[in-house]
């Protein structure tokens, strides 16, 4: 929408009307293809629900790390971490 003192150019108005008609036709075509995507949507929904049911924290790993830190057994491999960060 144009706001100002100058009236809209008739050629621009016609171009806008034509482009919106084209968009409507394109929308109809893509909605026909929407049926082929419905099975993908169902699959993604099932995967999303499955992922949401999984615990965020792997408690057994956390407890093992806590025990190794508390006992002084946890060793940090600085060279291994640096190599992983640099992609070696």
Protein backbone atom coordinates (compact mmCIF):
# COMPACT_ATOMS: atom_id res chain seq x y z
CA UNK A 1 0.00 0.00 0.00
CA UNK A 2 1.37 3.38 -0.97
CA UNK A 3 0.86 6.32 1.34
CA UNK A 4 1.66 9.77 0.05
CA UNK A 5 0.46 12.79 -1.86
CA UNK A 6 1.00 11.25 -5.30
CA UNK A 7 -1.75 8.99 -6.65
CA UNK A 8 -0.67 5.46 -7.61
CA UNK A 9 0.52 4.86 -11.14
CA UNK A 10 -2.18 2.89 -13.07
CA UNK A 11 0.50 0.65 -14.60
CA UNK A 12 1.75 -0.33 -11.13
CA UNK A 13 -1.76 -1.15 -9.94
CA UNK A 14 -2.31 -3.42 -12.95
CA UNK A 15 1.03 -5.14 -12.37
CA UNK A 16 0.17 -5.75 -8.71
CA UNK A 17 -3.20 -7.26 -9.61
CA UNK A 18 -1.57 -9.55 -12.18
CA UNK A 19 1.14 -10.72 -9.78
CA UNK A 20 -1.38 -11.51 -7.03
CA UNK A 21 -3.43 -13.58 -9.51
CA UNK A 22 -0.27 -15.51 -10.38
CA UNK A 23 0.38 -16.14 -6.68
CA UNK A 24 -3.15 -17.52 -6.26
CA UNK A 25 -2.62 -19.94 -9.17
CA UNK A 26 0.73 -21.05 -7.74
CA UNK A 27 -0.87 -21.62 -4.34
CA UNK A 28 -3.49 -23.90 -5.86
CA UNK A 29 -0.80 -25.97 -7.57
CA UNK A 30 1.25 -26.35 -4.40
CA UNK A 31 -1.83 -27.34 -2.37
CA UNK A 32 -2.43 -30.18 -4.84
CA UNK A 33 1.10 -31.39 -4.09
CA UNK A 34 0.41 -31.06 -0.35
CA UNK A 35 -1.17 -34.51 -0.30
CA UNK A 36 2.17 -36.10 -1.15
CA UNK A 37 3.75 -34.40 1.87
CA UNK A 38 1.15 -35.58 4.37
CA UNK A 39 2.87 -38.94 4.93
CA UNK A 40 6.17 -37.15 5.54
CA UNK A 41 4.46 -34.91 8.08
CA UNK A 42 3.04 -37.93 9.90
CA UNK A 43 6.49 -39.56 9.97
CA UNK A 44 8.09 -36.41 11.33
CA UNK A 45 5.40 -36.07 13.97
CA UNK A 46 6.00 -39.64 15.12
CA UNK A 47 9.76 -39.04 15.31
CA UNK A 48 9.26 -35.79 17.19
CA UNK A 49 7.00 -37.49 19.74
CA UNK A 50 9.52 -40.28 20.15
CA UNK A 51 12.36 -37.80 20.70
CA UNK A 52 10.33 -35.87 23.27
CA UNK A 53 9.76 -39.04 25.29
CA UNK A 54 13.49 -39.71 25.61
CA UNK A 55 15.21 -38.33 28.71
CA UNK A 56 17.35 -35.26 28.16
CA UNK A 57 20.06 -36.45 30.53
CA UNK A 58 21.70 -39.87 30.32
CA UNK A 59 21.75 -40.30 34.06
CA UNK A 60 24.01 -43.37 34.04
CA UNK A 61 26.75 -41.46 32.17
CA UNK A 62 26.41 -38.48 34.48
CA UNK A 63 26.75 -40.66 37.57
CA UNK A 64 29.79 -42.45 36.13
CA UNK A 65 31.48 -39.12 35.39
CA UNK A 66 30.66 -37.80 38.86
CA UNK A 67 32.18 -40.88 40.47
CA UNK A 68 35.35 -40.73 38.38
CA UNK A 69 35.79 -37.01 39.13
CA UNK A 70 35.19 -37.54 42.85
CA UNK A 71 37.73 -40.40 42.99
CA UNK A 72 40.33 -38.52 40.95
CA UNK A 73 40.17 -41.04 38.12
CA UNK A 74 38.87 -38.58 35.51
CA UNK A 75 41.67 -37.60 33.11
CA UNK A 76 41.32 -34.89 30.50
CA UNK A 77 43.12 -35.62 27.23
CA UNK A 78 44.08 -32.07 26.22
CA UNK A 79 45.74 -33.16 22.96
CA UNK A 80 42.70 -35.22 22.01
CA UNK A 81 40.33 -32.31 22.69
CA UNK A 82 42.52 -29.90 20.71
CA UNK A 83 42.72 -32.33 17.79
CA UNK A 84 38.93 -32.78 17.79
CA UNK A 85 38.38 -29.01 17.85
CA UNK A 86 40.78 -28.50 14.95
CA UNK A 87 39.36 -31.42 12.99
CA UNK A 88 42.43 -33.66 13.01
